[in-house]
Amino acid sequence: MVATLLLSFCLGFAADQPVPQVDSPLAINDEIREFLATRMDHSADPLSQLQSLVRIVFQENALNFTYVPETRTAIETFHKRGGNCISYTFLLIAMARQLGMDARFREVDIIPTWSKVGNIVSVIGHANAAVFIAGEGYVVDLFPRVDRIQIGGRVVSDERAFAHFFSNYGISELGAGHTLAAIGYLKKALEWDPTAAFVWANIGVAQSMSGAKDEAEKSYLKALELDPGEVIAMSNLSTLYENTGRPDLAKRYAAKVARFKQRNPYYHFSLGLQAYASGEYREAVEHYKAALKLKSAEHNFYLALARSYIQLGQMDKASSSLKLAVKNAPDEIMRGRYSEKLALLAAQRAHS
């Protein structure tokens, strides 16, 4: 049987997690305001304030944020000192806005990862915060630093962020086997953003699991109407048609999924990682090259390609790939790391 796919952001399955009854996951309280009032230097320039804010979120003697696979509101994240990437992003954005900054939610393209419970597979996405200061954009992610926004990712509305929030809770309910509750939270997500194709795809999963196959089909088709590239909806439609005796439609959507994967650089990259892990270094090189044809500015692809060339003993090509990793690195820290690897490689070749 083909596994049913959903899309979640920053979430593994966290069964029986209570859903707070809140008007806005970005709301803050007097305790957070007091924290900012006493911990922040309000005379500092905005960028210094942002850097300081990020530091105190992680400092042991301040908030001491710790990652856990649960979606929480800004207030819950503050009180419990942790959460997933959406939880962190809500808290960071809420506090940055309290300080007068232009902070927004950002969806990020990443290498696909999966979390599996039973016959349900959640494809996990990622989110972070974008903060705009004096015309310059800065990205704040799950680490204690601030980087300039380079390429990739999409700044989205608060409504889309809230749709992610309630969709994640819906997925958690599905993981716990609470199908009707899941549908309720997914409908709440659609109240915030009825144009969110991934929510329509997820609610189709819940409807299918509850036996409402016709409604599930409509939801999947609605997802594809909103986003023709919604691969979760395509894949689940193929499965639904196969299970309901419509093999021609099943094959049509399976072919769409296959074409989508071939156009997705991260799909080829994931194949390269698998080949590398199996010791198939030449095959890994071909997959990484295919990924780079589709996304030529992705520094991670060049690093992976360099590693494969090293395993093959092709040091000139490894060096060239590392130079491209340096060129396409998103910040000074990554450029420094890649430059160190390049220098180490050069030293090894000089002594060989």
Foldseek 3Di string as FASTA:
>chain_A
DAFAEAEAAQAAQDAPDDDDDDPALLDDDVVLVVLCVPQADLVDDLVVRLLSLLVQLCDPVHLNADEDRAQGRLHVCSVVRYYGFLNVQSVSQSSSVVSVWDKFKKWFDDQWDWHDADRYIYTYTYIWMWTADPNWIWTDTPDSGIFTDDDTIDTDHSLQSVLSRLQSVLVNHVSNVNLVVSLVSLVVSCVSPVLQLSSLLSNLVSCVVVVNNVSSLVSLVSSCVSPVLPLSSLQVQLVSCVVVPNNVSNVVSVVVNVVSLLLALSSLQVVLVVCVVVVNLVSSLVSLVSSCVNPVLDLVSLQSNLVSCVSVVNLVSSLVSLVSSLVNPRGPVSNVVSVVVNVVSVVVVVVD
